[in-house]
PDB file of all heavy atoms in Angstrom:
ATOM      1  N   GLU A   1     -15.121 -10.420   7.417  1.00  0.00           N
ATOM      2  CA  GLU A   1     -14.936 -10.341   5.896  1.00  0.00           C
ATOM      3  C   GLU A   1     -15.971  -9.372   5.272  1.00  0.00           C
ATOM      4  O   GLU A   1     -17.084  -9.386   5.424  1.00  0.00           O
ATOM      5  CB  GLU A   1     -15.118 -11.838   5.250  1.00  0.00           C
ATOM      6  CG  GLU A   1     -14.180 -12.905   5.826  1.00  0.00           C
ATOM      7  CD  GLU A   1     -14.547 -14.137   5.351  1.00  0.00           C
ATOM      8  OE1 GLU A   1     -15.643 -14.303   4.624  1.00  0.00           O
ATOM      9  OE2 GLU A   1     -13.871 -15.139   5.696  1.00  0.00           O
ATOM     10  N   ASN A   2     -15.296  -8.344   4.627  1.00  0.00           N
ATOM     11  CA  ASN A   2     -16.150  -7.471   3.774  1.00  0.00           C
ATOM     12  C   ASN A   2     -17.250  -6.869   4.528  1.00  0.00           C
ATOM     13  O   ASN A   2     -18.412  -6.573   4.017  1.00  0.00           O
ATOM     14  CB  ASN A   2     -16.636  -8.111   2.437  1.00  0.00           C
ATOM     15  CG  ASN A   2     -17.065  -7.210   1.357  1.00  0.00           C
ATOM     16  OD1 ASN A   2     -16.477  -6.053   1.287  1.00  0.00           O
ATOM     17  ND2 ASN A   2     -18.073  -7.407   0.620  1.00  0.00           N
ATOM     18  N   LEU A   3     -17.062  -6.316   5.685  1.00  0.00           N
ATOM     19  CA  LEU A   3     -17.961  -5.581   6.542  1.00  0.00           C
ATOM     20  C   LEU A   3     -18.299  -4.146   5.935  1.00  0.00           C
ATOM     21  O   LEU A   3     -17.401  -3.497   5.731  1.00  0.00           O
ATOM     22  CB  LEU A   3     -17.616  -5.586   7.888  1.00  0.00           C
ATOM     23  CG  LEU A   3     -18.556  -4.720   8.829  1.00  0.00           C
ATOM     24  CD1 LEU A   3     -19.865  -5.456   9.101  1.00  0.00           C
ATOM     25  CD2 LEU A   3     -17.922  -4.697  10.201  1.00  0.00           C
ATOM     26  N   ALA A   4     -19.630  -3.951   5.725  1.00  0.00           N
ATOM     27  CA  ALA A   4     -19.990  -2.674   5.215  1.00  0.00           C
ATOM     28  C   ALA A   4     -21.223  -2.175   5.964  1.00  0.00           C
ATOM     29  O   ALA A   4     -22.148  -2.852   6.227  1.00  0.00           O
ATOM     30  CB  ALA A   4     -20.314  -2.668   3.793  1.00  0.00           C
ATOM     31  N   VAL A   5     -21.120  -0.847   6.492  1.00  0.00           N
ATOM     32  CA  VAL A   5     -22.266  -0.355   7.217  1.00  0.00           C
ATOM     33  C   VAL A   5     -22.650   1.063   6.717  1.00  0.00           C
ATOM     34  O   VAL A   5     -21.635   1.878   6.531  1.00  0.00           O
ATOM     35  CB  VAL A   5     -21.968  -0.347   8.844  1.00  0.00           C
ATOM     36  CG1 VAL A   5     -23.085   0.304   9.606  1.00  0.00           C
ATOM     37  CG2 VAL A   5     -21.445  -1.545   9.329  1.00  0.00           C
ATOM     38  N   GLN A   6     -23.826   1.399   6.598  1.00  0.00           N
ATOM     39  CA  GLN A   6     -24.174   2.637   6.159  1.00  0.00           C
ATOM     40  C   GLN A   6     -25.260   3.231   7.107  1.00  0.00           C
ATOM     41  O   GLN A   6     -25.930   2.611   7.914  1.00  0.00           O
ATOM     42  CB  GLN A   6     -24.758   2.653   4.623  1.00  0.00           C
ATOM     43  CG  GLN A   6     -26.250   2.136   4.609  1.00  0.00           C
ATOM     44  CD  GLN A   6     -26.678   2.230   3.154  1.00  0.00           C
ATOM     45  OE1 GLN A   6     -26.030   2.332   2.127  1.00  0.00           O
ATOM     46  NE2 GLN A   6     -28.114   2.173   2.976  1.00  0.00           N
ATOM     47  N   PHE A   7     -25.341   4.634   7.045  1.00  0.00           N
ATOM     48  CA  PHE A   7     -26.394   5.324   7.774  1.00  0.00           C
ATOM     49  C   PHE A   7     -27.167   6.372   6.815  1.00  0.00           C
ATOM     50  O   PHE A   7     -26.495   6.990   6.013  1.00  0.00           O
ATOM     51  CB  PHE A   7     -25.740   6.127   8.869  1.00  0.00           C
ATOM     52  CG  PHE A   7     -25.153   5.252  10.027  1.00  0.00           C
ATOM     53  CD1 PHE A   7     -23.907   4.817  10.032  1.00  0.00           C
ATOM     54  CD2 PHE A   7     -25.929   4.997  11.039  1.00  0.00           C
ATOM     55  CE1 PHE A   7     -23.331   4.003  10.980  1.00  0.00           C
ATOM     56  CE2 PHE A   7     -25.499   4.187  12.103  1.00  0.00           C
ATOM     57  CZ  PHE A   7     -24.184   3.655  12.140  1.00  0.00           C
ATOM     58  N   LYS A   8     -28.383   6.395   6.910  1.00  0.00           N
ATOM     59  CA  LYS A   8     -29.212   7.340   6.207  1.00  0.00           C
ATOM     60  C   LYS A   8     -29.274   8.573   7.096  1.00  0.00           C
ATOM     61  O   LYS A   8     -29.663   8.585   8.286  1.00  0.00           O
ATOM     62  CB  LYS A   8     -30.608   6.827   5.959  1.00  0.00           C
ATOM     63  CG  LYS A   8     -30.619   5.689   5.100  1.00  0.00           C
ATOM     64  CD  LYS A   8     -30.468   5.921   3.607  1.00  0.00           C
ATOM     65  CE  LYS A   8     -30.662   4.668   2.663  1.00  0.00           C
ATOM     66  NZ  LYS A   8     -30.535   5.167   1.354  1.00  0.00           N
ATOM     67  N   THR A   9     -28.871   9.758   6.553  1.00  0.00           N
ATOM     68  CA  THR A   9     -28.919  11.044   7.261  1.00  0.00           C
ATOM     69  C   THR A   9     -29.516  12.143   6.371  1.00  0.00           C
ATOM     70  O   THR A   9     -29.779  11.896   5.136  1.00  0.00           O
ATOM     71  CB  THR A   9     -27.427  11.592   7.652  1.00  0.00           C
ATOM     72  OG1 THR A   9     -26.881  11.947   6.416  1.00  0.00           O
ATOM     73  CG2 THR A   9     -26.582  10.476   8.186  1.00  0.00           C
ATOM     74  N   ASP A  10     -29.798  13.320   6.895  1.00  0.00           N
ATOM     75  CA  ASP A  10     -30.556  14.345   6.279  1.00  0.00           C
ATOM     76  C   ASP A  10     -29.459  14.835   5.100  1.00  0.00           C
ATOM     77  O   ASP A  10     -29.920  15.493   4.030  1.00  0.00           O
ATOM     78  CB  ASP A  10     -30.785  15.508   7.216  1.00  0.00           C
ATOM     79  CG  ASP A  10     -31.844  15.247   8.208  1.00  0.00           C
ATOM     80  OD1 ASP A  10     -32.664  14.259   7.810  1.00  0.00           O
ATOM     81  OD2 ASP A  10     -32.004  15.785   9.044  1.00  0.00           O
ATOM     82  N   ASP A  11     -28.201  14.650   5.281  1.00  0.00           N
ATOM     83  CA  ASP A  11     -27.265  15.055   4.298  1.00  0.00           C
ATOM     84  C   ASP A  11     -26.893  14.017   3.258  1.00  0.00           C
ATOM     85  O   ASP A  11     -26.094  14.297   2.310  1.00  0.00           O
ATOM     86  CB  ASP A  11     -25.926  15.407   5.001  1.00  0.00           C
ATOM     87  CG  ASP A  11     -26.012  16.680   6.022  1.00  0.00           C
ATOM     88  OD1 ASP A  11     -26.800  17.555   5.653  1.00  0.00           O
ATOM     89  OD2 ASP A  11     -25.385  16.710   7.026  1.00  0.00           O
ATOM     90  N   GLY A  12     -27.511  12.888   3.378  1.00  0.00           N
ATOM     91  CA  GLY A  12     -27.292  11.809   2.292  1.00  0.00           C
ATOM     92  C   GLY A  12     -26.876  10.521   3.137  1.00  0.00           C
ATOM     93  O   GLY A  12     -27.020  10.419   4.321  1.00  0.00           O
ATOM     94  N   THR A  13     -26.572   9.535   2.249  1.00  0.00           N
ATOM     95  CA  THR A  13     -26.126   8.205   2.921  1.00  0.00           C
ATOM     96  C   THR A  13     -24.679   8.262   3.099  1.00  0.00           C
ATOM     97  O   THR A  13     -24.003   8.617   2.317  1.00  0.00           O
ATOM     98  CB  THR A  13     -26.490   7.180   1.666  1.00  0.00           C
ATOM     99  OG1 THR A  13     -27.836   7.071   1.438  1.00  0.00           O
ATOM    100  CG2 THR A  13     -26.070   5.746   2.294  1.00  0.00           C
ATOM    101  N   ILE A  14     -24.334   7.839   4.320  1.00  0.00           N
ATOM    102  CA  ILE A  14     -22.989   7.765   4.845  1.00  0.00           C
ATOM    103  C   ILE A  14     -22.543   6.366   4.803  1.00  0.00           C
ATOM    104  O   ILE A  14     -23.199   5.464   5.575  1.00  0.00           O
ATOM    105  CB  ILE A  14     -22.813   8.431   6.127  1.00  0.00           C
ATOM    106  CG1 ILE A  14     -23.089   9.907   6.030  1.00  0.00           C
ATOM    107  CG2 ILE A  14     -21.450   8.180   6.734  1.00  0.00           C
ATOM    108  CD1 ILE A  14     -22.939  10.683   7.420  1.00  0.00           C
ATOM    109  N   ARG A  15     -21.545   5.898   4.137  1.00  0.00           N
ATOM    110  CA  ARG A  15     -20.976   4.658   4.168  1.00  0.00           C
ATOM    111  C   ARG A  15     -19.772   4.794   5.227  1.00  0.00           C
ATOM    112  O   ARG A  15     -18.607   4.963   4.950  1.00  0.00           O
ATOM    113  CB  ARG A  15     -20.326   4.293   2.899  1.00  0.00           C
ATOM    114  CG  ARG A  15     -19.941   2.898   2.694  1.00  0.00           C
ATOM    115  CD  ARG A  15     -20.762   2.063   1.830  1.00  0.00           C
ATOM    116  NE  ARG A  15     -20.202   0.797   1.434  1.00  0.00           N
ATOM    117  CZ  ARG A  15     -20.985  -0.025   0.630  1.00  0.00           C
ATOM    118  NH1 ARG A  15     -22.049   0.329   0.087  1.00  0.00           N
ATOM    119  NH2 ARG A  15     -20.322  -1.112   0.111  1.00  0.00           N
ATOM    120  N   ALA A  16     -20.253   4.382   6.461  1.00  0.00           N
ATOM    121  CA  ALA A  16     -19.298   4.531   7.654  1.00  0.00           C
ATOM    122  C   ALA A  16     -18.190   3.467   7.584  1.00  0.00           C
ATOM    123  O   ALA A  16     -17.221   3.719   8.149  1.00  0.00           O
ATOM    124  CB  ALA A  16     -20.100   4.602   8.933  1.00  0.00           C
ATOM    125  N   VAL A  17     -18.610   2.238   7.184  1.00  0.00           N
ATOM    126  CA  VAL A  17     -17.641   1.089   7.074  1.00  0.00           C
ATOM    127  C   VAL A  17     -17.697   0.544   5.792  1.00  0.00           C
ATOM    128  O   VAL A  17     -18.931   0.210   5.347  1.00  0.00           O
ATOM    129  CB  VAL A  17     -17.927   0.168   8.242  1.00  0.00           C
ATOM    130  CG1 VAL A  17     -16.870  -1.095   8.038  1.00  0.00           C
ATOM    131  CG2 VAL A  17     -17.604   0.706   9.595  1.00  0.00           C
ATOM    132  N   ASP A  18     -16.697   0.426   4.952  1.00  0.00           N
ATOM    133  CA  ASP A  18     -16.774   0.152   3.562  1.00  0.00           C
ATOM    134  C   ASP A  18     -15.807  -0.994   3.186  1.00  0.00           C
ATOM    135  O   ASP A  18     -14.674  -0.833   2.775  1.00  0.00           O
ATOM    136  CB  ASP A  18     -16.285   1.414   2.759  1.00  0.00           C
ATOM    137  CG  ASP A  18     -16.626   1.269   1.247  1.00  0.00           C
ATOM    138  OD1 ASP A  18     -17.373   0.257   0.848  1.00  0.00           O
ATOM    139  OD2 ASP A  18     -16.315   2.086   0.526  1.00  0.00           O
ATOM    140  N   GLY A  19     -16.294  -2.280   3.501  1.00  0.00           N
ATOM    141  CA  GLY A  19     -15.547  -3.338   2.937  1.00  0.00           C
ATOM    142  C   GLY A  19     -14.457  -3.762   3.896  1.00  0.00           C
ATOM    143  O   GLY A  19     -13.322  -4.037   3.376  1.00  0.00           O
ATOM    144  N   VAL A  20     -14.493  -3.733   5.177  1.00  0.00           N
ATOM    145  CA  VAL A  20     -13.479  -4.035   6.148  1.00  0.00           C
ATOM    146  C   VAL A  20     -13.375  -5.531   6.415  1.00  0.00           C
ATOM    147  O   VAL A  20     -14.291  -6.174   6.602  1.00  0.00           O
ATOM    148  CB  VAL A  20     -13.779  -3.292   7.470  1.00  0.00           C
ATOM    149  CG1 VAL A  20     -12.934  -3.830   8.572  1.00  0.00           C
ATOM    150  CG2 VAL A  20     -13.523  -1.745   7.306  1.00  0.00           C
ATOM    151  N   SER A  21     -12.122  -6.045   6.333  1.00  0.00           N
ATOM    152  CA  SER A  21     -11.890  -7.446   6.633  1.00  0.00           C
ATOM    153  C   SER A  21     -10.646  -7.561   7.630  1.00  0.00           C
ATOM    154  O   SER A  21      -9.730  -6.758   7.475  1.00  0.00           O
ATOM    155  CB  SER A  21     -11.444  -8.216   5.394  1.00  0.00           C
ATOM    156  OG  SER A  21     -12.598  -8.277   4.538  1.00  0.00           O
ATOM    157  N   PHE A  22     -10.750  -8.312   8.539  1.00  0.00           N
ATOM    158  CA  PHE A  22      -9.572  -8.596   9.483  1.00  0.00           C
ATOM    159  C   PHE A  22      -9.914  -9.933  10.249  1.00  0.00           C
ATOM    160  O   PHE A  22     -10.974 -10.455  10.280  1.00  0.00           O
ATOM    161  CB  PHE A  22      -9.433  -7.271  10.475  1.00  0.00           C
ATOM    162  CG  PHE A  22     -10.515  -7.298  11.401  1.00  0.00           C
ATOM    163  CD1 PHE A  22     -10.513  -7.772  12.729  1.00  0.00           C
ATOM    164  CD2 PHE A  22     -11.666  -6.420  11.177  1.00  0.00           C
ATOM    165  CE1 PHE A  22     -11.465  -7.517  13.600  1.00  0.00           C
ATOM    166  CE2 PHE A  22     -12.592  -6.214  11.955  1.00  0.00           C
ATOM    167  CZ  PHE A  22     -12.584  -6.704  13.207  1.00  0.00           C
ATOM    168  N   SER A  23      -8.834 -10.347  11.032  1.00  0.00           N
ATOM    169  CA  SER A  23      -9.022 -11.509  11.794  1.00  0.00           C
ATOM    170  C   SER A  23      -8.316 -11.201  13.123  1.00  0.00           C
ATOM    171  O   SER A  23      -7.488 -10.255  13.318  1.00  0.00           O
ATOM    172  CB  SER A  23      -8.221 -12.749  11.148  1.00  0.00           C
ATOM    173  OG  SER A  23      -6.837 -12.464  11.068  1.00  0.00           O
ATOM    174  N   LEU A  24      -8.711 -12.077  14.226  1.00  0.00           N
ATOM    175  CA  LEU A  24      -8.211 -11.823  15.493  1.00  0.00           C
ATOM    176  C   LEU A  24      -7.930 -13.251  16.001  1.00  0.00           C
ATOM    177  O   LEU A  24      -8.607 -14.204  16.025  1.00  0.00           O
ATOM    178  CB  LEU A  24      -9.299 -11.261  16.427  1.00  0.00           C
ATOM    179  CG  LEU A  24      -9.042 -11.157  17.882  1.00  0.00           C
ATOM    180  CD1 LEU A  24      -8.002 -10.022  18.064  1.00  0.00           C
ATOM    181  CD2 LEU A  24     -10.150 -10.776  18.635  1.00  0.00           C
ATOM    182  N   GLN A  25      -6.617 -13.381  16.404  1.00  0.00           N
ATOM    183  CA  GLN A  25      -6.134 -14.682  16.965  1.00  0.00           C
ATOM    184  C   GLN A  25      -6.448 -14.810  18.376  1.00  0.00           C
ATOM    185  O   GLN A  25      -6.418 -13.820  19.188  1.00  0.00           O
ATOM    186  CB  GLN A  25      -4.652 -14.808  16.686  1.00  0.00           C
ATOM    187  CG  GLN A  25      -4.259 -14.867  15.202  1.00  0.00           C
ATOM    188  CD  GLN A  25      -4.753 -16.059  14.412  1.00  0.00           C
ATOM    189  OE1 GLN A  25      -4.988 -16.981  14.998  1.00  0.00           O
ATOM    190  NE2 GLN A  25      -5.097 -15.764  13.143  1.00  0.00           N
ATOM    191  N   PRO A  26      -6.477 -16.056  18.953  1.00  0.00           N
ATOM    192  CA  PRO A  26      -6.664 -16.257  20.395  1.00  0.00           C
ATOM    193  C   PRO A  26      -5.561 -15.523  21.116  1.00  0.00           C
ATOM    194  O   PRO A  26      -4.449 -15.681  20.900  1.00  0.00           O
ATOM    195  CB  PRO A  26      -6.705 -17.718  20.574  1.00  0.00           C
ATOM    196  CG  PRO A  26      -7.161 -18.188  19.366  1.00  0.00           C
ATOM    197  CD  PRO A  26      -6.551 -17.431  18.223  1.00  0.00           C
ATOM    198  N   GLY A  27      -5.843 -14.888  22.201  1.00  0.00           N
ATOM    199  CA  GLY A  27      -4.947 -14.262  23.067  1.00  0.00           C
ATOM    200  C   GLY A  27      -4.184 -13.053  22.579  1.00  0.00           C
ATOM    201  O   GLY A  27      -3.294 -12.520  23.344  1.00  0.00           O
ATOM    202  N   GLU A  28      -4.379 -12.522  21.482  1.00  0.00           N
ATOM    203  CA  GLU A  28      -3.636 -11.406  20.855  1.00  0.00           C
ATOM    204  C   GLU A  28      -4.478 -10.134  21.159  1.00  0.00           C
ATOM    205  O   GLU A  28      -5.710 -10.180  21.400  1.00  0.00           O
ATOM    206  CB  GLU A  28      -3.353 -11.641  19.366  1.00  0.00           C
ATOM    207  CG  GLU A  28      -4.542 -11.145  18.479  1.00  0.00           C
ATOM    208  CD  GLU A  28      -3.975 -10.988  16.967  1.00  0.00           C
ATOM    209  OE1 GLU A  28      -2.833 -10.692  16.874  1.00  0.00           O
ATOM    210  OE2 GLU A  28      -4.812 -11.176  16.108  1.00  0.00           O
ATOM    211  N   THR A  29      -3.716  -9.040  20.972  1.00  0.00           N
ATOM    212  CA  THR A  29      -4.277  -7.625  21.123  1.00  0.00           C
ATOM    213  C   THR A  29      -4.158  -7.029  19.668  1.00  0.00           C
ATOM    214  O   THR A  29      -2.998  -6.852  19.176  1.00  0.00           O
ATOM    215  CB  THR A  29      -3.611  -6.769  22.123  1.00  0.00           C
ATOM    216  OG1 THR A  29      -3.921  -7.316  23.440  1.00  0.00           O
ATOM    217  CG2 THR A  29      -4.294  -5.391  22.066  1.00  0.00           C
ATOM    218  N   LEU A  30      -5.338  -6.643  19.033  1.00  0.00           N
ATOM    219  CA  LEU A  30      -5.213  -6.144  17.636  1.00  0.00           C
ATOM    220  C   LEU A  30      -5.675  -4.657  17.818  1.00  0.00           C
ATOM    221  O   LEU A  30      -6.851  -4.353  18.534  1.00  0.00           O
ATOM    222  CB  LEU A  30      -6.350  -6.887  16.886  1.00  0.00           C
ATOM    223  CG  LEU A  30      -6.564  -6.212  15.487  1.00  0.00           C
ATOM    224  CD1 LEU A  30      -5.281  -6.260  14.478  1.00  0.00           C
ATOM    225  CD2 LEU A  30      -7.900  -6.776  14.753  1.00  0.00           C
ATOM    226  N   GLY A  31      -4.965  -3.732  17.384  1.00  0.00           N
ATOM    227  CA  GLY A  31      -5.195  -2.311  17.511  1.00  0.00           C
ATOM    228  C   GLY A  31      -5.938  -1.881  16.218  1.00  0.00           C
ATOM    229  O   GLY A  31      -5.519  -2.307  15.102  1.00  0.00           O
ATOM    230  N   ILE A  32      -6.963  -1.055  16.389  1.00  0.00           N
ATOM    231  CA  ILE A  32      -7.591  -0.329  15.157  1.00  0.00           C
ATOM    232  C   ILE A  32      -7.461   1.135  15.549  1.00  0.00           C
ATOM    233  O   ILE A  32      -8.022   1.600  16.528  1.00  0.00           O
ATOM    234  CB  ILE A  32      -8.998  -0.719  15.024  1.00  0.00           C
ATOM    235  CG1 ILE A  32      -9.150  -2.377  14.686  1.00  0.00           C
ATOM    236  CG2 ILE A  32      -9.670  -0.039  13.832  1.00  0.00           C
ATOM    237  CD1 ILE A  32     -10.699  -2.758  14.627  1.00  0.00           C
ATOM    238  N   VAL A  33      -6.674   1.799  14.701  1.00  0.00           N
ATOM    239  CA  VAL A  33      -6.287   3.183  14.942  1.00  0.00           C
ATOM    240  C   VAL A  33      -6.792   4.146  13.850  1.00  0.00           C
ATOM    241  O   VAL A  33      -6.705   3.603  12.623  1.00  0.00           O
ATOM    242  CB  VAL A  33      -4.861   3.344  15.165  1.00  0.00           C
ATOM    243  CG1 VAL A  33      -3.951   2.976  13.911  1.00  0.00           C
ATOM    244  CG2 VAL A  33      -4.387   4.738  15.686  1.00  0.00           C
ATOM    245  N   GLY A  34      -7.146   5.272  14.147  1.00  0.00           N
ATOM    246  CA  GLY A  34      -7.438   6.309  13.173  1.00  0.00           C
ATOM    247  C   GLY A  34      -8.090   7.536  13.681  1.00  0.00           C
ATOM    248  O   GLY A  34      -8.364   7.522  14.839  1.00  0.00           O
ATOM    249  N   GLU A  35      -8.358   8.570  12.853  1.00  0.00           N
ATOM    250  CA  GLU A  35      -8.920   9.801  13.445  1.00  0.00           C
ATOM    251  C   GLU A  35     -10.420   9.486  13.676  1.00  0.00           C
ATOM    252  O   GLU A  35     -11.033   8.461  13.298  1.00  0.00           O
ATOM    253  CB  GLU A  35      -8.910  10.887  12.354  1.00  0.00           C
ATOM    254  CG  GLU A  35      -7.559  11.413  11.932  1.00  0.00           C
ATOM    255  CD  GLU A  35      -7.495  12.252  10.745  1.00  0.00           C
ATOM    256  OE1 GLU A  35      -7.693  11.810   9.460  1.00  0.00           O
ATOM    257  OE2 GLU A  35      -7.306  13.464  10.915  1.00  0.00           O
ATOM    258  N   SER A  36     -10.992  10.452  14.553  1.00  0.00           N
ATOM    259  CA  SER A  36     -12.415  10.358  14.893  1.00  0.00           C
ATOM    260  C   SER A  36     -13.240  10.374  13.630  1.00  0.00           C
ATOM    261  O   SER A  36     -12.886  11.165  12.669  1.00  0.00           O
ATOM    262  CB  SER A  36     -12.809  11.552  15.791  1.00  0.00           C
ATOM    263  OG  SER A  36     -11.988  11.577  17.060  1.00  0.00           O
ATOM    264  N   GLY A  37     -14.305   9.579  13.540  1.00  0.00           N
ATOM    265  CA  GLY A  37     -15.076   9.462  12.336  1.00  0.00           C
ATOM    266  C   GLY A  37     -14.593   8.530  11.296  1.00  0.00           C
ATOM    267  O   GLY A  37     -15.260   8.527  10.265  1.00  0.00           O
ATOM    268  N   SER A  38     -13.554   7.716  11.567  1.00  0.00           N
ATOM    269  CA  SER A  38     -12.996   6.917  10.434  1.00  0.00           C
ATOM    270  C   SER A  38     -13.677   5.658  10.319  1.00  0.00           C
ATOM    271  O   SER A  38     -13.564   4.892   9.462  1.00  0.00           O
ATOM    272  CB  SER A  38     -11.457   6.718  10.728  1.00  0.00           C
ATOM    273  OG  SER A  38     -11.285   5.955  12.028  1.00  0.00           O
ATOM    274  N   GLY A  39     -14.468   5.282  11.423  1.00  0.00           N
ATOM    275  CA  GLY A  39     -15.358   4.033  11.360  1.00  0.00           C
ATOM    276  C   GLY A  39     -15.019   3.046  12.222  1.00  0.00           C
ATOM    277  O   GLY A  39     -15.454   1.957  12.280  1.00  0.00           O
ATOM    278  N   LYS A  40     -13.983   3.356  13.227  1.00  0.00           N
ATOM    279  CA  LYS A  40     -13.593   2.377  14.211  1.00  0.00           C
ATOM    280  C   LYS A  40     -14.713   1.840  15.084  1.00  0.00           C
ATOM    281  O   LYS A  40     -14.895   0.591  15.277  1.00  0.00           O
ATOM    282  CB  LYS A  40     -12.473   3.051  15.087  1.00  0.00           C
ATOM    283  CG  LYS A  40     -11.412   3.622  14.277  1.00  0.00           C
ATOM    284  CD  LYS A  40     -10.252   4.144  15.081  1.00  0.00           C
ATOM    285  CE  LYS A  40     -10.658   5.200  16.259  1.00  0.00           C
ATOM    286  NZ  LYS A  40     -11.157   6.399  15.604  1.00  0.00           N
ATOM    287  N   SER A  41     -15.380   2.777  15.737  1.00  0.00           N
ATOM    288  CA  SER A  41     -16.416   2.418  16.782  1.00  0.00           C
ATOM    289  C   SER A  41     -17.511   1.777  15.941  1.00  0.00           C
ATOM    290  O   SER A  41     -18.250   0.749  16.613  1.00  0.00           O
ATOM    291  CB  SER A  41     -16.892   3.581  17.512  1.00  0.00           C
ATOM    292  OG  SER A  41     -15.887   4.217  18.312  1.00  0.00           O
ATOM    293  N   VAL A  42     -17.936   2.229  14.846  1.00  0.00           N
ATOM    294  CA  VAL A  42     -19.158   1.590  14.101  1.00  0.00           C
ATOM    295  C   VAL A  42     -18.674   0.180  13.839  1.00  0.00           C
ATOM    296  O   VAL A  42     -19.705  -0.761  13.806  1.00  0.00           O
ATOM    297  CB  VAL A  42     -19.291   2.284  12.720  1.00  0.00           C
ATOM    298  CG1 VAL A  42     -20.344   1.621  11.976  1.00  0.00           C
ATOM    299  CG2 VAL A  42     -19.804   3.700  13.020  1.00  0.00           C
ATOM    300  N   THR A  43     -17.495  -0.144  13.490  1.00  0.00           N
ATOM    301  CA  THR A  43     -17.037  -1.560  13.185  1.00  0.00           C
ATOM    302  C   THR A  43     -17.364  -2.360  14.427  1.00  0.00           C
ATOM    303  O   THR A  43     -17.894  -3.421  14.280  1.00  0.00           O
ATOM    304  CB  THR A  43     -15.593  -1.567  12.906  1.00  0.00           C
ATOM    305  OG1 THR A  43     -15.318  -0.900  11.711  1.00  0.00           O
ATOM    306  CG2 THR A  43     -15.098  -3.042  12.622  1.00  0.00           C
TER     307      THR A  43
END
């Protein structure tokens, strides 16, 4: 629920994940898809 992650860099503050919410049911496969740099791995 409402996951937000930021990074401090020389270019400023990066909000890599901004208010992400999702659920995962037992035994299911949930895909998270997007371009590189969209925040998938940081999540």
